[in-house]
Each structure stands twice: as structure tokens, then as C-alpha cells.
Amino acid sequence: MKGEPLEDPARTPGAISPAVTQANLKSTIYRKGGYTSGIRPSTSVTGKEKALNAASYGYKGPMGDAEYDHLISCS
């Protein structure tokens, strides 16, 4: 979005799960009930990570206004 910094690979989380492959997308990523909810840590963990990551970018606004995203290289 306008005025927002681009992701910095050194400060933006991201991981590739070897458990997810093109062959099993239907039973992992696209499974009924969702995939992320079954692997994501609790908000007590992700909230701290979000605040630390936002601070590394110099963000001082409300965390509710901050988007916490992941950078995964396609290469």
C-alpha cells in the first residue's frame, strides 16, 4: 500500500514446509477447516513476534493497524 515499506527478507518471517507438496495440496493447504489454523502458534506467540517485527521496521502505530505478513521466495 502507498507509503508502507516493502518486506525486508532479513526482517520478515517465512518458511516452507516440506510436508506440503504439489501432490498433497488438497489434503494440506486446501483441506476442509483450513491448514493454517492447525499449524499456527497461539496469539501469545504471534503477537510478540508481530510487535518485534513491527518495531524492526520502525512502526509505532497500533498493532491492529499493522499487517503481519510473510515473505516466501518463489525461486
N, C-alpha and C. Protein backbone atom coordinates (compact mmCIF):
# COMPACT_ATOMS: atom_id res chain seq x y z
N MET A 1 0.83 -1.18 0.00
CA MET A 1 0.00 0.00 0.00
C MET A 1 0.88 1.25 0.00
N LYS A 2 0.30 2.32 -0.40
CA LYS A 2 1.04 3.57 -0.52
C LYS A 2 1.65 3.99 0.82
N GLY A 3 2.95 4.27 0.79
CA GLY A 3 3.63 4.74 1.99
C GLY A 3 4.10 3.66 2.93
N GLU A 4 3.78 2.41 2.65
CA GLU A 4 4.20 1.32 3.52
C GLU A 4 5.49 0.71 2.98
N PRO A 5 6.38 0.28 3.88
CA PRO A 5 7.64 -0.30 3.41
C PRO A 5 7.42 -1.67 2.78
N LEU A 6 8.28 -1.98 1.84
CA LEU A 6 8.26 -3.33 1.28
C LEU A 6 8.91 -4.29 2.26
N GLU A 7 8.60 -5.56 2.13
CA GLU A 7 9.17 -6.56 3.01
C GLU A 7 10.68 -6.59 2.87
N ASP A 8 11.35 -6.75 3.98
CA ASP A 8 12.79 -6.90 4.01
C ASP A 8 13.05 -8.36 4.36
N PRO A 9 13.64 -9.13 3.46
CA PRO A 9 13.86 -10.56 3.73
C PRO A 9 14.61 -10.83 5.03
N ALA A 10 15.43 -9.90 5.49
CA ALA A 10 16.18 -10.10 6.73
C ALA A 10 15.30 -9.92 7.96
N ARG A 11 14.14 -9.27 7.81
CA ARG A 11 13.28 -9.00 8.97
C ARG A 11 11.88 -9.57 8.83
N THR A 12 11.61 -10.27 7.78
CA THR A 12 10.27 -10.78 7.54
C THR A 12 10.27 -12.29 7.62
N PRO A 13 9.38 -12.86 8.42
CA PRO A 13 9.38 -14.32 8.57
C PRO A 13 8.89 -15.02 7.32
N GLY A 14 9.19 -16.26 7.27
CA GLY A 14 8.73 -17.08 6.15
C GLY A 14 9.40 -18.43 6.24
N ALA A 15 8.66 -19.44 5.95
CA ALA A 15 9.21 -20.79 5.97
C ALA A 15 8.44 -21.64 4.99
N ILE A 16 9.12 -22.59 4.46
CA ILE A 16 8.50 -23.54 3.55
C ILE A 16 8.42 -24.88 4.28
N SER A 17 7.24 -25.45 4.31
CA SER A 17 7.06 -26.74 4.97
C SER A 17 7.31 -27.88 4.00
N PRO A 18 8.23 -28.76 4.34
CA PRO A 18 8.46 -29.91 3.47
C PRO A 18 7.28 -30.88 3.46
N ALA A 19 6.36 -30.69 4.41
CA ALA A 19 5.17 -31.55 4.47
C ALA A 19 4.15 -31.18 3.40
N VAL A 20 4.30 -30.01 2.79
CA VAL A 20 3.36 -29.56 1.77
C VAL A 20 4.04 -29.67 0.41
N THR A 21 3.40 -30.41 -0.47
CA THR A 21 3.93 -30.60 -1.83
C THR A 21 2.81 -30.34 -2.83
N GLN A 22 3.17 -30.22 -4.09
CA GLN A 22 2.16 -30.08 -5.14
C GLN A 22 1.21 -31.28 -5.13
N ALA A 23 1.72 -32.45 -4.81
CA ALA A 23 0.91 -33.66 -4.84
C ALA A 23 -0.12 -33.74 -3.71
N ASN A 24 0.11 -33.03 -2.59
CA ASN A 24 -0.83 -33.17 -1.46
C ASN A 24 -1.52 -31.86 -1.08
N LEU A 25 -1.57 -30.90 -1.99
CA LEU A 25 -2.21 -29.62 -1.68
C LEU A 25 -3.65 -29.77 -1.20
N LYS A 26 -4.38 -30.69 -1.78
CA LYS A 26 -5.81 -30.86 -1.41
C LYS A 26 -5.96 -31.31 0.04
N SER A 27 -5.02 -32.10 0.54
CA SER A 27 -5.13 -32.60 1.91
C SER A 27 -4.34 -31.74 2.91
N THR A 28 -3.61 -30.74 2.43
CA THR A 28 -2.88 -29.86 3.34
C THR A 28 -3.44 -28.45 3.25
N ILE A 29 -2.99 -27.67 2.32
CA ILE A 29 -3.38 -26.27 2.19
C ILE A 29 -4.88 -26.10 1.98
N TYR A 30 -5.48 -26.92 1.14
CA TYR A 30 -6.89 -26.75 0.77
C TYR A 30 -7.83 -27.64 1.56
N ARG A 31 -7.38 -28.22 2.66
CA ARG A 31 -8.26 -29.14 3.41
C ARG A 31 -9.39 -28.38 4.09
N LYS A 32 -10.49 -29.09 4.30
CA LYS A 32 -11.65 -28.51 4.95
C LYS A 32 -11.27 -28.09 6.37
N GLY A 33 -11.64 -26.90 6.74
CA GLY A 33 -11.28 -26.39 8.06
C GLY A 33 -10.00 -25.57 8.04
N GLY A 34 -9.28 -25.65 6.92
CA GLY A 34 -8.08 -24.84 6.77
C GLY A 34 -6.82 -25.50 7.27
N TYR A 35 -5.72 -25.01 6.80
CA TYR A 35 -4.40 -25.55 7.14
C TYR A 35 -3.73 -24.70 8.21
N THR A 36 -3.78 -23.40 8.04
CA THR A 36 -3.06 -22.51 8.93
C THR A 36 -3.49 -22.67 10.38
N SER A 37 -4.78 -22.82 10.61
CA SER A 37 -5.26 -22.92 12.00
C SER A 37 -4.69 -24.15 12.71
N GLY A 38 -4.31 -25.15 11.96
CA GLY A 38 -3.74 -26.35 12.58
C GLY A 38 -2.25 -26.29 12.84
N ILE A 39 -1.57 -25.29 12.26
CA ILE A 39 -0.12 -25.22 12.44
C ILE A 39 0.36 -23.91 13.06
N ARG A 40 -0.48 -22.89 13.09
CA ARG A 40 -0.08 -21.58 13.60
C ARG A 40 0.06 -21.61 15.12
N PRO A 41 1.11 -20.97 15.66
CA PRO A 41 1.24 -20.86 17.11
C PRO A 41 0.14 -19.98 17.69
N SER A 42 -0.01 -20.00 18.99
CA SER A 42 -1.04 -19.20 19.65
C SER A 42 -0.75 -17.71 19.50
N THR A 43 -1.77 -16.89 19.73
CA THR A 43 -1.60 -15.44 19.63
C THR A 43 -0.63 -14.91 20.67
N SER A 44 -0.42 -15.63 21.76
CA SER A 44 0.57 -15.18 22.75
C SER A 44 1.98 -15.23 22.15
N VAL A 45 2.19 -16.09 21.18
CA VAL A 45 3.47 -16.17 20.48
C VAL A 45 3.49 -15.20 19.30
N THR A 46 2.47 -15.28 18.45
CA THR A 46 2.47 -14.46 17.24
C THR A 46 2.32 -12.97 17.53
N GLY A 47 1.65 -12.62 18.62
CA GLY A 47 1.51 -11.22 18.99
C GLY A 47 2.86 -10.60 19.33
N LYS A 48 3.67 -11.34 20.08
CA LYS A 48 5.02 -10.85 20.42
C LYS A 48 5.87 -10.74 19.17
N GLU A 49 5.78 -11.73 18.29
CA GLU A 49 6.54 -11.70 17.04
C GLU A 49 6.14 -10.51 16.18
N LYS A 50 4.83 -10.26 16.11
CA LYS A 50 4.33 -9.14 15.32
C LYS A 50 4.87 -7.81 15.85
N ALA A 51 4.83 -7.64 17.17
CA ALA A 51 5.31 -6.40 17.77
C ALA A 51 6.81 -6.20 17.53
N LEU A 52 7.58 -7.25 17.69
CA LEU A 52 9.02 -7.16 17.45
C LEU A 52 9.34 -6.87 15.99
N ASN A 53 8.61 -7.52 15.10
CA ASN A 53 8.82 -7.29 13.68
C ASN A 53 8.44 -5.87 13.29
N ALA A 54 7.33 -5.38 13.80
CA ALA A 54 6.89 -4.01 13.50
C ALA A 54 7.93 -3.01 14.01
N ALA A 55 8.46 -3.25 15.20
CA ALA A 55 9.47 -2.36 15.76
C ALA A 55 10.73 -2.35 14.89
N SER A 56 11.08 -3.49 14.31
CA SER A 56 12.27 -3.55 13.47
C SER A 56 12.12 -2.68 12.21
N TYR A 57 10.89 -2.42 11.81
CA TYR A 57 10.62 -1.54 10.68
C TYR A 57 10.41 -0.09 11.13
N GLY A 58 10.42 0.15 12.44
CA GLY A 58 10.20 1.49 12.96
C GLY A 58 8.74 1.84 13.12
N TYR A 59 7.85 0.86 13.02
CA TYR A 59 6.42 1.11 13.14
C TYR A 59 6.06 1.35 14.60
N LYS A 60 5.34 2.44 14.86
CA LYS A 60 4.97 2.79 16.23
C LYS A 60 3.46 2.92 16.41
N GLY A 61 2.70 2.61 15.38
CA GLY A 61 1.25 2.74 15.45
C GLY A 61 0.60 1.56 16.15
N PRO A 62 -0.71 1.54 16.20
CA PRO A 62 -1.44 0.44 16.83
C PRO A 62 -1.24 -0.87 16.07
N MET A 63 -1.05 -1.95 16.80
CA MET A 63 -0.82 -3.24 16.16
C MET A 63 -2.04 -3.69 15.35
N GLY A 64 -3.23 -3.23 15.73
CA GLY A 64 -4.43 -3.56 14.98
C GLY A 64 -4.43 -2.98 13.57
N ASP A 65 -3.60 -1.96 13.36
CA ASP A 65 -3.49 -1.35 12.05
C ASP A 65 -2.33 -1.92 11.23
N ALA A 66 -1.54 -2.78 11.85
CA ALA A 66 -0.35 -3.33 11.18
C ALA A 66 -0.68 -4.68 10.54
N GLU A 67 -0.18 -4.85 9.35
CA GLU A 67 -0.36 -6.12 8.65
C GLU A 67 0.90 -6.95 8.87
N TYR A 68 0.72 -8.15 9.37
CA TYR A 68 1.86 -9.04 9.63
C TYR A 68 1.83 -10.11 8.56
N ASP A 69 2.74 -10.03 7.64
CA ASP A 69 2.73 -10.95 6.52
C ASP A 69 4.03 -11.74 6.49
N HIS A 70 4.13 -12.61 5.53
CA HIS A 70 5.29 -13.50 5.40
C HIS A 70 5.88 -13.34 4.03
N LEU A 71 7.16 -13.44 3.96
CA LEU A 71 7.85 -13.34 2.68
C LEU A 71 8.41 -14.72 2.34
N ILE A 72 7.90 -15.30 1.27
CA ILE A 72 8.37 -16.60 0.81
C ILE A 72 8.89 -16.40 -0.60
N SER A 73 10.12 -16.77 -0.80
CA SER A 73 10.71 -16.64 -2.12
C SER A 73 10.13 -17.69 -3.04
N CYS A 74 9.85 -17.30 -4.25
CA CYS A 74 9.33 -18.24 -5.25
C CYS A 74 10.46 -18.88 -6.04
N SER A 75 11.67 -18.48 -5.77
CA SER A 75 12.78 -19.03 -6.54
C SER A 75 13.40 -20.21 -5.85
